[in-house]
């Protein structure tokens, strides 16, 4: 049985404000813990009205405080936006509060636009230092050395597990070279999925954290009692990706009966390419889709995005996904 986890986008919808989105995320985590999900992650995005997880470490603390067993983490922190020392302090503190439950996934994209990047006071070229920043962060989380003058307190010695996130070959190579687990974002960038998986495994070097490759694959999954209902629920996500293509990002919209009335042929092609790996359907359809994805990629774990407008329908989707995946509470 392949472990399965959740990437929660902490969506702000046309029916729910940011406060509601944050409490819905914790509610999802509480249910996910009961259903047997392995971990729940949230991601760093800035200047997006429809996503409430910009202060990622704070959101992780909020979710972890409402749960007791499920792992909680970042999928991910965009490290070029931050000093590694600060991230070590934040995640080391989280680990002290919730020992053995915190993950730290790292990405090198800014997670925002160039104007917001300037507001973050970061150099657009910071991403060039990503490999060195990962190593610096890892050192701050390790036990301090006798002559070490700068110590990240209370993070030193927590050894919070690091992940490398990616949507291209760069992250795959880096994760392999550093001997870290790798998570591929095929829920929005599926084109390089198979080459990245192969590259990661071929370049992997064992490390203190990880003896052999461990790859997690992100996938959009929406489950409902019937294929037809799942496809209807999926129009919320399809509209979000269409708006991304248009450059008019906003709040999450309720599902519609006919997505063809919303997007143009060109928008459909562009959004469809990003959503190419998505699985929408009944538990039987979802089960077949998940099994095929694991067989094709050799994924050690799946992390699902279930972008459903209505909170109760979203909980139902995650419940059915757990049923389809055959996972059970520990």
C-alpha atoms as a PDB file:
ATOM      1  CA  UNK A   1       0.000   0.000   0.000  1.00  0.00           C
ATOM      2  CA  UNK A   2       1.504   3.325  -1.086  1.00  0.00           C
ATOM      3  CA  UNK A   3       1.359   6.063   1.573  1.00  0.00           C
ATOM      4  CA  UNK A   4      -0.810   8.999   0.592  1.00  0.00           C
ATOM      5  CA  UNK A   5      -0.690  12.573   1.838  1.00  0.00           C
ATOM      6  CA  UNK A   6      -2.417  15.917   1.275  1.00  0.00           C
ATOM      7  CA  UNK A   7      -1.199  19.232  -0.111  1.00  0.00           C
ATOM      8  CA  UNK A   8      -3.703  21.799   1.156  1.00  0.00           C
ATOM      9  CA  UNK A   9      -3.741  25.047  -0.822  1.00  0.00           C
ATOM     10  CA  UNK A  10      -5.707  26.782   1.984  1.00  0.00           C
ATOM     11  CA  UNK A  11      -8.047  28.181  -0.644  1.00  0.00           C
ATOM     12  CA  UNK A  12     -10.018  31.346  -0.011  1.00  0.00           C
ATOM     13  CA  UNK A  13     -13.284  30.954  -1.903  1.00  0.00           C
ATOM     14  CA  UNK A  14     -16.108  33.247  -2.916  1.00  0.00           C
ATOM     15  CA  UNK A  15     -17.980  31.785   0.084  1.00  0.00           C
ATOM     16  CA  UNK A  16     -15.156  31.737   2.661  1.00  0.00           C
ATOM     17  CA  UNK A  17     -12.706  34.389   3.869  1.00  0.00           C
ATOM     18  CA  UNK A  18      -9.091  33.775   4.892  1.00  0.00           C
ATOM     19  CA  UNK A  19     -10.067  32.947   8.468  1.00  0.00           C
ATOM     20  CA  UNK A  20     -12.486  30.311   7.231  1.00  0.00           C
ATOM     21  CA  UNK A  21      -9.859  28.908   4.867  1.00  0.00           C
ATOM     22  CA  UNK A  22      -7.357  28.517   7.709  1.00  0.00           C
ATOM     23  CA  UNK A  23      -9.834  26.734   9.960  1.00  0.00           C
ATOM     24  CA  UNK A  24     -10.999  24.565   7.073  1.00  0.00           C
ATOM     25  CA  UNK A  25      -7.381  23.505   6.556  1.00  0.00           C
ATOM     26  CA  UNK A  26      -7.139  22.419  10.172  1.00  0.00           C
ATOM     27  CA  UNK A  27     -10.456  20.584   9.868  1.00  0.00           C
ATOM     28  CA  UNK A  28      -9.141  18.730   6.809  1.00  0.00           C
ATOM     29  CA  UNK A  29      -6.044  17.734   8.783  1.00  0.00           C
ATOM     30  CA  UNK A  30      -8.127  16.461  11.697  1.00  0.00           C
ATOM     31  CA  UNK A  31     -10.187  14.288   9.367  1.00  0.00           C
ATOM     32  CA  UNK A  32      -7.100  13.204   7.401  1.00  0.00           C
ATOM     33  CA  UNK A  33      -5.512  11.988  10.610  1.00  0.00           C
ATOM     34  CA  UNK A  34      -8.532   9.767  11.248  1.00  0.00           C
ATOM     35  CA  UNK A  35      -8.588   8.491   7.648  1.00  0.00           C
ATOM     36  CA  UNK A  36      -4.947   7.405   7.676  1.00  0.00           C
ATOM     37  CA  UNK A  37      -3.215  10.046   5.558  1.00  0.00           C
ATOM     38  CA  UNK A  38       0.533  10.204   6.126  1.00  0.00           C
ATOM     39  CA  UNK A  39       1.137  13.959   6.165  1.00  0.00           C
ATOM     40  CA  UNK A  40      -0.445  17.301   5.285  1.00  0.00           C
ATOM     41  CA  UNK A  41       1.581  20.092   3.719  1.00  0.00           C
ATOM     42  CA  UNK A  42       0.899  23.748   2.958  1.00  0.00           C
ATOM     43  CA  UNK A  43       2.817  25.955   0.541  1.00  0.00           C
ATOM     44  CA  UNK A  44       4.285  29.439   0.499  1.00  0.00           C
ATOM     45  CA  UNK A  45       2.508  31.718  -1.984  1.00  0.00           C
ATOM     46  CA  UNK A  46       2.460  35.510  -1.830  1.00  0.00           C
ATOM     47  CA  UNK A  47       0.092  38.176  -3.165  1.00  0.00           C
ATOM     48  CA  UNK A  48      -2.558  35.651  -4.180  1.00  0.00           C
ATOM     49  CA  UNK A  49      -6.034  36.568  -2.943  1.00  0.00           C
ATOM     50  CA  UNK A  50      -7.185  32.954  -3.189  1.00  0.00           C
ATOM     51  CA  UNK A  51      -4.479  31.347  -1.021  1.00  0.00           C
ATOM     52  CA  UNK A  52      -4.111  32.000   2.724  1.00  0.00           C
ATOM     53  CA  UNK A  53      -0.864  30.137   3.486  1.00  0.00           C
ATOM     54  CA  UNK A  54       1.688  32.911   2.868  1.00  0.00           C
ATOM     55  CA  UNK A  55       2.902  32.806   6.498  1.00  0.00           C
ATOM     56  CA  UNK A  56       3.615  29.116   6.036  1.00  0.00           C
ATOM     57  CA  UNK A  57       5.295  28.307   9.343  1.00  0.00           C
ATOM     58  CA  UNK A  58       2.438  29.984  11.237  1.00  0.00           C
ATOM     59  CA  UNK A  59      -0.145  27.938   9.321  1.00  0.00           C
ATOM     60  CA  UNK A  60       1.812  24.752  10.039  1.00  0.00           C
ATOM     61  CA  UNK A  61       1.721  25.550  13.753  1.00  0.00           C
ATOM     62  CA  UNK A  62      -2.024  26.175  13.550  1.00  0.00           C
ATOM     63  CA  UNK A  63      -2.636  22.823  11.856  1.00  0.00           C
ATOM     64  CA  UNK A  64      -0.216  20.865  14.047  1.00  0.00           C
ATOM     65  CA  UNK A  65      -1.849  22.278  17.205  1.00  0.00           C
ATOM     66  CA  UNK A  66      -5.200  20.892  16.075  1.00  0.00           C
ATOM     67  CA  UNK A  67      -3.892  17.374  15.403  1.00  0.00           C
ATOM     68  CA  UNK A  68      -1.879  14.796  17.314  1.00  0.00           C
ATOM     69  CA  UNK A  69      -0.299  12.246  14.958  1.00  0.00           C
ATOM     70  CA  UNK A  70      -0.257  13.311  11.327  1.00  0.00           C
ATOM     71  CA  UNK A  71       2.960  14.853  10.010  1.00  0.00           C
ATOM     72  CA  UNK A  72       2.625  18.542   9.098  1.00  0.00           C
ATOM     73  CA  UNK A  73       4.973  20.498   6.903  1.00  0.00           C
ATOM     74  CA  UNK A  74       5.844  22.855   4.115  1.00  0.00           C
ATOM     75  CA  UNK A  75       5.382  21.865   0.523  1.00  0.00           C
ATOM     76  CA  UNK A  76       7.154  24.113   0.409  1.00  0.00           C
ATOM     77  CA  UNK A  77       9.101  27.017   1.771  1.00  0.00           C
ATOM     78  CA  UNK A  78      10.532  29.065  -1.095  1.00  0.00           C
ATOM     79  CA  UNK A  79      14.022  29.317   0.328  1.00  0.00           C
ATOM     80  CA  UNK A  80      15.273  32.177  -1.916  1.00  0.00           C
ATOM     81  CA  UNK A  81      12.741  34.404  -0.106  1.00  0.00           C
ATOM     82  CA  UNK A  82      14.389  33.848   3.279  1.00  0.00           C
ATOM     83  CA  UNK A  83      17.633  33.685   5.193  1.00  0.00           C
ATOM     84  CA  UNK A  84      18.297  29.996   5.953  1.00  0.00           C
ATOM     85  CA  UNK A  85      18.970  30.956   9.576  1.00  0.00           C
ATOM     86  CA  UNK A  86      15.424  32.319   9.985  1.00  0.00           C
ATOM     87  CA  UNK A  87      13.831  29.204   8.458  1.00  0.00           C
ATOM     88  CA  UNK A  88      15.954  27.043  10.770  1.00  0.00           C
ATOM     89  CA  UNK A  89      14.707  29.010  13.776  1.00  0.00           C
ATOM     90  CA  UNK A  90      11.078  28.753  12.644  1.00  0.00           C
ATOM     91  CA  UNK A  91      11.047  25.054  11.827  1.00  0.00           C
ATOM     92  CA  UNK A  92      13.251  24.119  14.731  1.00  0.00           C
ATOM     93  CA  UNK A  93      10.742  25.851  16.993  1.00  0.00           C
ATOM     94  CA  UNK A  94       7.912  23.927  15.333  1.00  0.00           C
ATOM     95  CA  UNK A  95       9.782  20.691  15.932  1.00  0.00           C
ATOM     96  CA  UNK A  96      10.274  21.557  19.610  1.00  0.00           C
ATOM     97  CA  UNK A  97       6.535  22.130  19.909  1.00  0.00           C
ATOM     98  CA  UNK A  98       5.493  19.115  17.811  1.00  0.00           C
ATOM     99  CA  UNK A  99       8.453  16.717  17.988  1.00  0.00           C
ATOM    100  CA  UNK A 100       8.828  14.202  15.194  1.00  0.00           C
ATOM    101  CA  UNK A 101       5.913  15.585  13.170  1.00  0.00           C
ATOM    102  CA  UNK A 102       7.394  18.454  11.139  1.00  0.00           C
ATOM    103  CA  UNK A 103       8.596  18.282   7.500  1.00  0.00           C
ATOM    104  CA  UNK A 104      10.449  21.025   5.654  1.00  0.00           C
ATOM    105  CA  UNK A 105      10.073  20.921   1.874  1.00  0.00           C
ATOM    106  CA  UNK A 106      12.175  23.473  -0.002  1.00  0.00           C
ATOM    107  CA  UNK A 107      11.652  25.096  -3.374  1.00  0.00           C
ATOM    108  CA  UNK A 108      13.754  27.601  -5.296  1.00  0.00           C
ATOM    109  CA  UNK A 109      10.946  29.505  -7.058  1.00  0.00           C
ATOM    110  CA  UNK A 110       9.817  32.789  -5.470  1.00  0.00           C
ATOM    111  CA  UNK A 111       6.175  31.703  -5.240  1.00  0.00           C
ATOM    112  CA  UNK A 112       5.067  35.133  -6.438  1.00  0.00           C
ATOM    113  CA  UNK A 113       5.563  37.872  -9.010  1.00  0.00           C
ATOM    114  CA  UNK A 114       8.588  40.127  -9.421  1.00  0.00           C
ATOM    115  CA  UNK A 115       6.975  43.178  -7.779  1.00  0.00           C
ATOM    116  CA  UNK A 116       6.080  41.154  -4.687  1.00  0.00           C
ATOM    117  CA  UNK A 117       9.581  39.705  -4.682  1.00  0.00           C
ATOM    118  CA  UNK A 118      10.885  43.240  -4.269  1.00  0.00           C
ATOM    119  CA  UNK A 119       8.406  43.793  -1.439  1.00  0.00           C
ATOM    120  CA  UNK A 120       9.937  40.724   0.231  1.00  0.00           C
ATOM    121  CA  UNK A 121      13.291  42.542   0.008  1.00  0.00           C
ATOM    122  CA  UNK A 122      14.851  39.642  -1.847  1.00  0.00           C
ATOM    123  CA  UNK A 123      17.286  39.732  -4.728  1.00  0.00           C
ATOM    124  CA  UNK A 124      15.754  38.116  -7.861  1.00  0.00           C
ATOM    125  CA  UNK A 125      19.064  36.288  -8.250  1.00  0.00           C
ATOM    126  CA  UNK A 126      18.770  34.617  -4.843  1.00  0.00           C
ATOM    127  CA  UNK A 127      17.598  31.399  -6.459  1.00  0.00           C
ATOM    128  CA  UNK A 128      21.107  30.931  -7.862  1.00  0.00           C
ATOM    129  CA  UNK A 129      22.288  30.266  -4.295  1.00  0.00           C
ATOM    130  CA  UNK A 130      19.635  27.637  -3.611  1.00  0.00           C
ATOM    131  CA  UNK A 131      21.978  24.609  -3.284  1.00  0.00           C
ATOM    132  CA  UNK A 132      24.267  26.489  -0.888  1.00  0.00           C
ATOM    133  CA  UNK A 133      21.267  27.773   1.087  1.00  0.00           C
ATOM    134  CA  UNK A 134      19.952  24.227   1.507  1.00  0.00           C
ATOM    135  CA  UNK A 135      23.289  23.106   2.923  1.00  0.00           C
ATOM    136  CA  UNK A 136      23.444  26.132   5.227  1.00  0.00           C
ATOM    137  CA  UNK A 137      19.941  25.430   6.510  1.00  0.00           C
ATOM    138  CA  UNK A 138      20.788  21.771   7.043  1.00  0.00           C
ATOM    139  CA  UNK A 139      23.847  22.764   9.073  1.00  0.00           C
ATOM    140  CA  UNK A 140      21.805  25.060  11.320  1.00  0.00           C
ATOM    141  CA  UNK A 141      19.378  22.190  12.057  1.00  0.00           C
ATOM    142  CA  UNK A 142      22.224  19.777  12.877  1.00  0.00           C
ATOM    143  CA  UNK A 143      23.785  19.414  16.332  1.00  0.00           C
ATOM    144  CA  UNK A 144      26.105  22.399  16.927  1.00  0.00           C
ATOM    145  CA  UNK A 145      29.836  21.915  16.624  1.00  0.00           C
ATOM    146  CA  UNK A 146      32.130  22.763  19.561  1.00  0.00           C
ATOM    147  CA  UNK A 147      33.570  25.858  17.847  1.00  0.00           C
ATOM    148  CA  UNK A 148      30.337  26.995  16.193  1.00  0.00           C
ATOM    149  CA  UNK A 149      29.738  30.668  16.992  1.00  0.00           C
ATOM    150  CA  UNK A 150      26.364  31.132  15.257  1.00  0.00           C
ATOM    151  CA  UNK A 151      23.740  28.678  16.497  1.00  0.00           C
ATOM    152  CA  UNK A 152      20.079  28.607  15.465  1.00  0.00           C
ATOM    153  CA  UNK A 153      18.282  28.384  18.800  1.00  0.00           C
ATOM    154  CA  UNK A 154      16.157  26.338  19.499  1.00  0.00           C
ATOM    155  CA  UNK A 155      16.624  24.628  16.129  1.00  0.00           C
ATOM    156  CA  UNK A 156      20.127  23.207  16.549  1.00  0.00           C
ATOM    157  CA  UNK A 157      20.007  19.438  16.910  1.00  0.00           C
ATOM    158  CA  UNK A 158      16.384  19.039  15.787  1.00  0.00           C
ATOM    159  CA  UNK A 159      17.462  17.728  12.371  1.00  0.00           C
ATOM    160  CA  UNK A 160      14.055  18.507  10.872  1.00  0.00           C
ATOM    161  CA  UNK A 161      13.857  16.321   7.742  1.00  0.00           C
ATOM    162  CA  UNK A 162      14.410  18.288   4.539  1.00  0.00           C
ATOM    163  CA  UNK A 163      12.782  17.591   1.173  1.00  0.00           C
ATOM    164  CA  UNK A 164      13.620  19.091  -2.198  1.00  0.00           C
ATOM    165  CA  UNK A 165      10.606  20.101  -4.283  1.00  0.00           C
ATOM    166  CA  UNK A 166      10.703  20.488  -8.012  1.00  0.00           C
ATOM    167  CA  UNK A 167       8.900  20.741 -11.316  1.00  0.00           C
ATOM    168  CA  UNK A 168      11.951  20.267 -13.554  1.00  0.00           C
ATOM    169  CA  UNK A 169      15.234  18.388 -13.697  1.00  0.00           C
ATOM    170  CA  UNK A 170      17.133  20.828 -11.457  1.00  0.00           C
ATOM    171  CA  UNK A 171      15.437  19.783  -8.223  1.00  0.00           C
ATOM    172  CA  UNK A 172      15.738  16.118  -9.133  1.00  0.00           C
ATOM    173  CA  UNK A 173      19.498  16.400  -9.603  1.00  0.00           C
ATOM    174  CA  UNK A 174      19.956  18.409  -6.405  1.00  0.00           C
ATOM    175  CA  UNK A 175      17.862  16.033  -4.294  1.00  0.00           C
ATOM    176  CA  UNK A 176      19.839  13.099  -5.652  1.00  0.00           C
ATOM    177  CA  UNK A 177      23.227  14.723  -5.064  1.00  0.00           C
ATOM    178  CA  UNK A 178      22.317  15.715  -1.485  1.00  0.00           C
ATOM    179  CA  UNK A 179      20.641  12.405  -0.669  1.00  0.00           C
ATOM    180  CA  UNK A 180      17.317  13.996   0.229  1.00  0.00           C
ATOM    181  CA  UNK A 181      13.736  12.909  -0.484  1.00  0.00           C
ATOM    182  CA  UNK A 182      12.217  14.477  -3.587  1.00  0.00           C
ATOM    183  CA  UNK A 183       8.676  15.669  -4.288  1.00  0.00           C
ATOM    184  CA  UNK A 184       7.657  16.405  -7.879  1.00  0.00           C
ATOM    185  CA  UNK A 185       4.888  18.926  -8.615  1.00  0.00           C
ATOM    186  CA  UNK A 186       3.040  17.053 -11.338  1.00  0.00           C
ATOM    187  CA  UNK A 187      -0.215  18.573 -10.047  1.00  0.00           C
ATOM    188  CA  UNK A 188       0.647  21.686 -12.069  1.00  0.00           C
ATOM    189  CA  UNK A 189       3.780  20.829 -14.103  1.00  0.00           C
ATOM    190  CA  UNK A 190       3.485  17.237 -15.310  1.00  0.00           C
ATOM    191  CA  UNK A 191       5.717  17.444 -18.391  1.00  0.00           C
ATOM    192  CA  UNK A 192       8.986  16.498 -16.671  1.00  0.00           C
ATOM    193  CA  UNK A 193       7.571  13.956 -14.217  1.00  0.00           C
ATOM    194  CA  UNK A 194       9.076  10.767 -15.643  1.00  0.00           C
ATOM    195  CA  UNK A 195      12.475  12.222 -16.627  1.00  0.00           C
ATOM    196  CA  UNK A 196      12.792  13.839 -13.193  1.00  0.00           C
ATOM    197  CA  UNK A 197      12.009  10.585 -11.401  1.00  0.00           C
ATOM    198  CA  UNK A 198      14.627   8.737 -13.446  1.00  0.00           C
ATOM    199  CA  UNK A 199      17.209  11.467 -12.961  1.00  0.00           C
ATOM    200  CA  UNK A 200      16.649  11.623  -9.200  1.00  0.00           C
ATOM    201  CA  UNK A 201      17.112   7.898  -8.740  1.00  0.00           C
ATOM    202  CA  UNK A 202      20.137   7.692 -11.014  1.00  0.00           C
ATOM    203  CA  UNK A 203      21.906  10.601  -9.273  1.00  0.00           C
ATOM    204  CA  UNK A 204      21.014   9.598  -5.708  1.00  0.00           C
ATOM    205  CA  UNK A 205      23.834   9.435  -3.152  1.00  0.00           C
ATOM    206  CA  UNK A 206      23.040   8.057   0.324  1.00  0.00           C
ATOM    207  CA  UNK A 207      23.149  10.595   3.149  1.00  0.00           C
ATOM    208  CA  UNK A 208      22.745  10.692   6.918  1.00  0.00           C
ATOM    209  CA  UNK A 209      19.064  11.520   6.408  1.00  0.00           C
ATOM    210  CA  UNK A 210      18.265   8.981   3.690  1.00  0.00           C
ATOM    211  CA  UNK A 211      19.848   5.668   2.673  1.00  0.00           C
ATOM    212  CA  UNK A 212      17.971   5.183  -0.604  1.00  0.00           C
ATOM    213  CA  UNK A 213      15.836   7.330  -2.944  1.00  0.00           C
ATOM    214  CA  UNK A 214      12.380   8.338  -1.757  1.00  0.00           C
ATOM    215  CA  UNK A 215      10.154  10.048  -4.325  1.00  0.00           C
ATOM    216  CA  UNK A 216       6.749  11.609  -3.767  1.00  0.00           C
ATOM    217  CA  UNK A 217       4.470  12.580  -6.666  1.00  0.00           C
ATOM    218  CA  UNK A 218       1.914  15.390  -6.478  1.00  0.00           C
ATOM    219  CA  UNK A 219      -1.391  14.769  -8.232  1.00  0.00           C
ATOM    220  CA  UNK A 220      -4.786  16.459  -8.470  1.00  0.00           C
ATOM    221  CA  UNK A 221      -7.501  14.058  -7.352  1.00  0.00           C
ATOM    222  CA  UNK A 222     -11.193  14.828  -6.945  1.00  0.00           C
ATOM    223  CA  UNK A 223     -13.480  12.011  -5.876  1.00  0.00           C
ATOM    224  CA  UNK A 224     -17.257  11.882  -5.653  1.00  0.00           C
ATOM    225  CA  UNK A 225     -19.905   9.182  -5.693  1.00  0.00           C
ATOM    226  CA  UNK A 226     -20.020   9.257  -9.497  1.00  0.00           C
ATOM    227  CA  UNK A 227     -17.632  10.191 -12.283  1.00  0.00           C
ATOM    228  CA  UNK A 228     -20.091  12.829 -13.468  1.00  0.00           C
ATOM    229  CA  UNK A 229     -20.242  14.569 -10.087  1.00  0.00           C
ATOM    230  CA  UNK A 230     -16.456  14.496  -9.710  1.00  0.00           C
ATOM    231  CA  UNK A 231     -16.028  16.085 -13.130  1.00  0.00           C
ATOM    232  CA  UNK A 232     -18.485  18.803 -12.153  1.00  0.00           C
ATOM    233  CA  UNK A 233     -16.625  19.493  -8.895  1.00  0.00           C
ATOM    234  CA  UNK A 234     -13.394  19.661 -10.899  1.00  0.00           C
ATOM    235  CA  UNK A 235     -14.622  22.693 -12.829  1.00  0.00           C
ATOM    236  CA  UNK A 236     -13.609  24.809  -9.801  1.00  0.00           C
ATOM    237  CA  UNK A 237      -9.998  23.775 -10.326  1.00  0.00           C
ATOM    238  CA  UNK A 238     -10.258  24.107 -14.099  1.00  0.00           C
ATOM    239  CA  UNK A 239     -11.503  27.681 -13.699  1.00  0.00           C
ATOM    240  CA  UNK A 240      -8.619  28.465 -11.326  1.00  0.00           C
ATOM    241  CA  UNK A 241      -6.093  27.251 -13.882  1.00  0.00           C
ATOM    242  CA  UNK A 242      -7.892  29.147 -16.644  1.00  0.00           C
ATOM    243  CA  UNK A 243      -7.630  32.308 -14.556  1.00  0.00           C
ATOM    244  CA  UNK A 244      -3.933  31.576 -14.062  1.00  0.00           C
ATOM    245  CA  UNK A 245      -3.539  31.465 -17.850  1.00  0.00           C
ATOM    246  CA  UNK A 246      -5.462  34.740 -18.124  1.00  0.00           C
ATOM    247  CA  UNK A 247      -3.409  36.422 -15.406  1.00  0.00           C
ATOM    248  CA  UNK A 248      -6.587  37.169 -13.443  1.00  0.00           C
ATOM    249  CA  UNK A 249      -6.115  35.096 -10.309  1.00  0.00           C
ATOM    250  CA  UNK A 250      -8.874  35.506  -7.756  1.00  0.00           C
ATOM    251  CA  UNK A 251     -10.995  33.618  -5.276  1.00  0.00           C
ATOM    252  CA  UNK A 252     -11.996  30.005  -5.818  1.00  0.00           C
ATOM    253  CA  UNK A 253     -15.272  29.759  -7.725  1.00  0.00           C
ATOM    254  CA  UNK A 254     -18.209  27.345  -7.274  1.00  0.00           C
ATOM    255  CA  UNK A 255     -18.468  24.533  -9.839  1.00  0.00           C
ATOM    256  CA  UNK A 256     -20.393  25.026 -13.061  1.00  0.00           C
ATOM    257  CA  UNK A 257     -22.289  22.607 -15.271  1.00  0.00           C
ATOM    258  CA  UNK A 258     -20.343  23.224 -18.476  1.00  0.00           C
ATOM    259  CA  UNK A 259     -16.679  24.228 -18.332  1.00  0.00           C
ATOM    260  CA  UNK A 260     -16.679  24.744 -22.108  1.00  0.00           C
ATOM    261  CA  UNK A 261     -18.626  27.970 -21.567  1.00  0.00           C
ATOM    262  CA  UNK A 262     -15.816  29.317 -19.357  1.00  0.00           C
ATOM    263  CA  UNK A 263     -12.602  28.735 -21.275  1.00  0.00           C
ATOM    264  CA  UNK A 264     -11.565  29.354 -24.864  1.00  0.00           C
ATOM    265  CA  UNK A 265      -9.981  26.580 -26.927  1.00  0.00           C
ATOM    266  CA  UNK A 266      -6.536  28.083 -26.326  1.00  0.00           C
ATOM    267  CA  UNK A 267      -7.142  28.411 -22.584  1.00  0.00           C
ATOM    268  CA  UNK A 268      -8.464  24.852 -22.484  1.00  0.00           C
ATOM    269  CA  UNK A 269      -5.283  23.600 -24.140  1.00  0.00           C
ATOM    270  CA  UNK A 270      -2.996  25.522 -21.775  1.00  0.00           C
ATOM    271  CA  UNK A 271      -4.906  24.659 -18.603  1.00  0.00           C
ATOM    272  CA  UNK A 272      -5.371  21.097 -19.778  1.00  0.00           C
ATOM    273  CA  UNK A 273      -1.630  20.676 -20.194  1.00  0.00           C
ATOM    274  CA  UNK A 274      -1.022  21.694 -16.571  1.00  0.00           C
ATOM    275  CA  UNK A 275      -3.854  19.425 -15.397  1.00  0.00           C
ATOM    276  CA  UNK A 276      -2.906  16.490 -17.616  1.00  0.00           C
ATOM    277  CA  UNK A 277      -2.169  14.132 -14.711  1.00  0.00           C
ATOM    278  CA  UNK A 278      -5.395  14.904 -12.826  1.00  0.00           C
ATOM    279  CA  UNK A 279      -7.716  12.118 -11.693  1.00  0.00           C
ATOM    280  CA  UNK A 280     -11.429  12.903 -11.369  1.00  0.00           C
ATOM    281  CA  UNK A 281     -14.066  10.291 -10.661  1.00  0.00           C
ATOM    282  CA  UNK A 282     -15.771   7.737  -8.467  1.00  0.00           C
ATOM    283  CA  UNK A 283     -13.743   5.662  -5.975  1.00  0.00           C
ATOM    284  CA  UNK A 284     -13.320   2.980  -8.629  1.00  0.00           C
ATOM    285  CA  UNK A 285     -12.012   5.485 -11.176  1.00  0.00           C
ATOM    286  CA  UNK A 286      -9.728   7.081  -8.599  1.00  0.00           C
ATOM    287  CA  UNK A 287      -8.372   3.701  -7.492  1.00  0.00           C
ATOM    288  CA  UNK A 288      -7.472   2.771 -11.053  1.00  0.00           C
ATOM    289  CA  UNK A 289      -5.868   6.157 -11.652  1.00  0.00           C
ATOM    290  CA  UNK A 290      -3.754   6.053  -8.492  1.00  0.00           C
ATOM    291  CA  UNK A 291      -2.612   2.490  -9.149  1.00  0.00           C
ATOM    292  CA  UNK A 292      -1.614   3.381 -12.707  1.00  0.00           C
ATOM    293  CA  UNK A 293       0.324   6.453 -11.529  1.00  0.00           C
ATOM    294  CA  UNK A 294       2.270   4.474  -8.919  1.00  0.00           C
ATOM    295  CA  UNK A 295       3.024   1.733 -11.446  1.00  0.00           C
ATOM    296  CA  UNK A 296       4.211   4.236 -14.048  1.00  0.00           C
ATOM    297  CA  UNK A 297       6.365   6.370 -11.734  1.00  0.00           C
ATOM    298  CA  UNK A 298       7.408   3.952  -8.990  1.00  0.00           C
ATOM    299  CA  UNK A 299       6.358   6.642  -6.501  1.00  0.00           C
ATOM    300  CA  UNK A 300       7.114   5.844  -2.869  1.00  0.00           C
ATOM    301  CA  UNK A 301       4.305   8.190  -1.802  1.00  0.00           C
ATOM    302  CA  UNK A 302       1.563  10.284  -3.389  1.00  0.00           C
ATOM    303  CA  UNK A 303       0.501  13.739  -2.245  1.00  0.00           C
ATOM    304  CA  UNK A 304      -2.915  14.799  -3.484  1.00  0.00           C
ATOM    305  CA  UNK A 305      -4.503  18.163  -4.121  1.00  0.00           C
ATOM    306  CA  UNK A 306      -8.306  18.021  -3.975  1.00  0.00           C
ATOM    307  CA  UNK A 307      -9.380  21.514  -4.959  1.00  0.00           C
ATOM    308  CA  UNK A 308     -13.128  21.415  -4.262  1.00  0.00           C
ATOM    309  CA  UNK A 309     -15.158  24.574  -3.608  1.00  0.00           C
ATOM    310  CA  UNK A 310     -17.552  23.353  -0.897  1.00  0.00           C
ATOM    311  CA  UNK A 311     -15.834  22.291   2.334  1.00  0.00           C
ATOM    312  CA  UNK A 312     -18.106  19.329   3.022  1.00  0.00           C
ATOM    313  CA  UNK A 313     -17.736  18.093  -0.549  1.00  0.00           C
ATOM    314  CA  UNK A 314     -13.977  18.437  -0.158  1.00  0.00           C
ATOM    315  CA  UNK A 315     -13.998  16.361   3.008  1.00  0.00           C
ATOM    316  CA  UNK A 316     -16.081  13.782   1.160  1.00  0.00           C
ATOM    317  CA  UNK A 317     -13.532  13.786  -1.657  1.00  0.00           C
ATOM    318  CA  UNK A 318     -10.640  13.106   0.725  1.00  0.00           C
ATOM    319  CA  UNK A 319     -12.646  10.381   2.463  1.00  0.00           C
ATOM    320  CA  UNK A 320     -13.323   8.642  -0.858  1.00  0.00           C
ATOM    321  CA  UNK A 321      -9.700   9.045  -1.951  1.00  0.00           C
ATOM    322  CA  UNK A 322      -8.572   7.328   1.260  1.00  0.00           C
ATOM    323  CA  UNK A 323     -11.058   4.538   0.570  1.00  0.00           C
ATOM    324  CA  UNK A 324      -9.848   4.190  -3.019  1.00  0.00           C
ATOM    325  CA  UNK A 325      -6.195   4.174  -1.948  1.00  0.00           C
ATOM    326  CA  UNK A 326      -6.845   1.536   0.689  1.00  0.00           C
ATOM    327  CA  UNK A 327      -5.235   3.519   3.490  1.00  0.00           C
ATOM    328  CA  UNK A 328      -6.369   3.081   7.064  1.00  0.00           C
ATOM    329  CA  UNK A 329      -5.783   4.887  10.361  1.00  0.00           C
ATOM    330  CA  UNK A 330      -2.730   3.764  12.296  1.00  0.00           C
END
